[in-house]
Protein backbone atom coordinates (compact mmCIF):
# COMPACT_ATOMS: atom_id res chain seq x y z
CA MET A 1 158.02 89.48 137.38
CA ASP A 2 154.42 88.80 138.20
CA PRO A 3 153.24 90.80 141.14
CA LEU A 4 151.35 87.77 142.60
CA GLN A 5 154.32 85.38 142.55
CA PHE A 6 155.17 86.11 146.16
CA LEU A 7 151.55 85.72 147.39
CA ILE A 8 150.62 82.62 145.53
CA PRO A 9 153.33 80.16 144.29
CA LEU A 10 152.29 79.30 140.77
CA ASP A 11 155.34 77.60 139.49
CA TRP A 12 153.59 74.24 139.36
CA LEU A 13 150.97 75.81 137.12
CA ALA A 14 153.55 76.35 134.48
CA VAL A 15 154.12 72.62 134.45
CA VAL A 16 150.66 71.45 134.15
CA GLY A 17 149.34 74.57 132.06
CA PRO A 18 149.74 72.92 128.67
CA ILE A 19 148.00 69.78 129.80
CA LEU A 20 144.89 71.64 131.23
CA PRO A 21 142.99 72.10 127.88
CA PHE A 22 143.11 68.36 127.34
CA ALA A 23 142.04 67.60 130.87
CA ILE A 24 139.16 70.07 130.54
CA LEU A 25 138.11 68.47 127.23
CA VAL A 26 138.12 64.97 128.81
CA MET A 27 136.14 66.28 131.81
CA ALA A 28 133.63 67.92 129.53
CA PHE A 29 133.02 64.69 127.60
CA ALA A 30 132.71 62.88 130.99
CA ASN A 31 130.17 65.59 131.99
CA LEU A 32 128.11 64.86 128.96
CA ALA A 33 128.20 61.19 129.68
CA THR A 34 127.33 61.51 133.31
CA ARG A 35 124.46 64.00 132.50
CA HIS A 36 122.91 61.33 130.20
CA LEU A 37 123.29 58.64 133.06
CA ALA A 38 121.81 61.21 135.54
CA HIS A 39 118.85 61.84 133.38
CA ARG A 40 118.10 58.08 133.15
CA ARG A 41 118.43 57.75 136.89
CA HIS A 42 116.15 60.78 137.29
CA ILE A 43 113.52 59.20 135.08
CA GLU A 44 113.75 56.03 137.16
CA GLN A 45 113.48 57.92 140.43
CA GLY A 46 110.61 60.15 139.21
CA THR A 47 108.52 57.07 138.19
CA ASP A 48 109.15 55.37 141.56
CA GLY A 49 108.85 58.28 143.97
CA ASP A 50 108.22 61.90 144.48
CA GLN A 51 111.84 63.14 144.56
CA VAL A 52 115.02 62.85 142.53
CA GLU A 53 118.51 62.88 144.04
CA GLN A 54 121.72 64.25 142.71
CA TYR A 55 123.91 61.78 140.65
CA THR A 56 127.17 61.76 142.35
CA PRO A 57 129.50 61.09 139.36
CA HIS A 58 127.72 64.06 137.58
CA ALA A 59 128.34 66.36 140.56
CA PHE A 60 131.96 65.11 140.58
CA THR A 61 132.48 66.19 136.91
CA ASN A 62 130.72 69.55 137.51
CA ILE A 63 133.14 70.28 140.48
CA GLY A 64 136.03 68.96 138.30
CA LEU A 65 135.06 71.36 135.38
CA ILE A 66 134.84 74.30 137.74
CA VAL A 67 138.20 73.73 139.36
CA LEU A 68 139.98 73.04 136.01
CA SER A 69 138.41 76.13 134.27
CA PHE A 70 139.55 78.38 137.24
CA LEU A 71 143.03 76.90 137.08
CA PHE A 72 142.99 77.39 133.28
CA ALA A 73 142.07 81.05 133.94
CA LEU A 74 145.29 81.40 135.81
CA ASP A 75 147.25 79.94 132.99
CA ALA A 76 145.50 81.53 130.05
CA PRO A 77 143.55 84.52 131.41
CA THR A 78 141.39 85.27 128.26
CA GLY A 79 140.51 81.76 127.21
CA GLY A 80 140.20 80.53 130.73
CA THR A 81 137.81 83.32 131.73
CA VAL A 82 135.58 82.59 128.71
CA LEU A 83 135.72 78.94 129.69
CA ALA A 84 134.99 79.68 133.42
CA ILE A 85 132.05 81.90 132.54
CA LEU A 86 130.61 78.97 130.38
CA VAL A 87 131.14 76.48 133.10
CA VAL A 88 129.52 78.58 135.81
CA THR A 89 126.54 79.23 133.42
CA MET A 90 126.36 75.35 132.94
CA LEU A 91 126.44 74.78 136.65
CA MET A 92 123.61 77.33 137.17
CA ALA A 93 121.53 75.78 134.42
CA ASP A 94 122.18 72.27 136.09
CA LEU A 95 120.92 73.41 139.42
CA PHE A 96 117.75 75.04 137.91
CA GLU A 97 117.07 71.97 135.88
CA PHE A 98 117.50 69.64 138.84
CA GLU A 99 114.91 71.74 140.82
CA ALA A 100 112.59 71.44 137.79
CA ARG A 101 113.08 67.62 137.79
CA ASN A 102 112.05 67.64 141.52
CA VAL A 103 108.99 69.66 140.75
CA GLU A 104 108.00 67.23 137.89
CA ALA A 105 108.55 64.20 140.14
CA ARG A 106 106.46 65.66 142.98
CA ASN A 107 103.56 66.50 140.63
CA ASP A 108 103.64 63.21 138.80
CA MET A 109 104.61 64.78 135.51
CA THR A 110 106.74 63.25 132.93
CA ILE A 111 110.56 63.87 133.57
CA GLU A 112 111.78 65.99 130.79
CA ALA A 113 115.40 66.21 129.61
CA PRO A 114 117.42 69.09 131.06
CA LYS A 115 117.48 71.06 127.80
CA SER A 116 119.31 74.23 128.97
CA ALA A 117 121.87 72.32 130.77
CA ILE A 118 122.51 70.21 127.77
CA VAL A 119 122.97 73.21 125.58
CA ALA A 120 125.28 74.84 128.20
CA SER A 121 127.26 71.65 128.53
CA ALA A 122 127.50 71.37 124.73
CA LEU A 123 128.90 74.92 124.54
CA VAL A 124 131.43 74.14 127.14
CA THR A 125 132.53 70.96 125.22
CA PHE A 126 132.74 72.79 121.97
CA TYR A 127 134.86 75.55 123.40
CA ALA A 128 137.15 73.11 125.22
CA ALA A 129 137.51 71.12 121.96
CA TYR A 130 138.29 74.29 120.00
CA TYR A 131 140.75 75.37 122.45
CA ALA A 132 142.45 72.01 122.98
CA LEU A 133 142.33 70.88 119.42
CA PHE A 134 143.29 74.33 117.70
CA PHE A 135 146.32 72.83 116.24
CA LEU A 136 144.21 70.87 113.94
CA VAL A 137 142.52 73.97 112.49
CA ALA A 138 145.57 76.35 112.91
CA PRO A 139 146.61 76.07 109.18
CA LEU A 140 143.10 76.76 107.90
CA TRP A 141 142.73 79.62 110.48
CA GLY A 142 146.01 81.11 109.39
CA ALA A 143 144.90 81.09 105.71
CA VAL A 144 141.65 82.73 106.45
CA VAL A 145 143.10 85.36 108.76
CA ALA A 146 146.22 86.21 106.79
């Protein structure tokens, strides 16, 4: 008996729990795609004006990754916590990089790629792919560990 089962009804999480790694992987790939589109839009905005704006689809994928990683932390505590830490790190890097793009636009500098956010997003994608697609490397992993 789980001590939290009376405070928070989590029966629905047992149903969607096995699907969460794949949903996180799809959202991570969508985040990489929207990051690329947001950077192209920021370059256009930086050359036209002195301010860049958040790209709404990219903000949606960020929020989706946060919600899914926290749900995954309830389903698989160890893997979900590691993923949640990576996603929160990616979000913080994204916020700092967005402010850096605003500074570059205000000072008429060239708009650079958000390098730290790209690395953090790639780490999230690699970890999500490892966790979701572990069944592909399980035989090899079993041979190495055994």
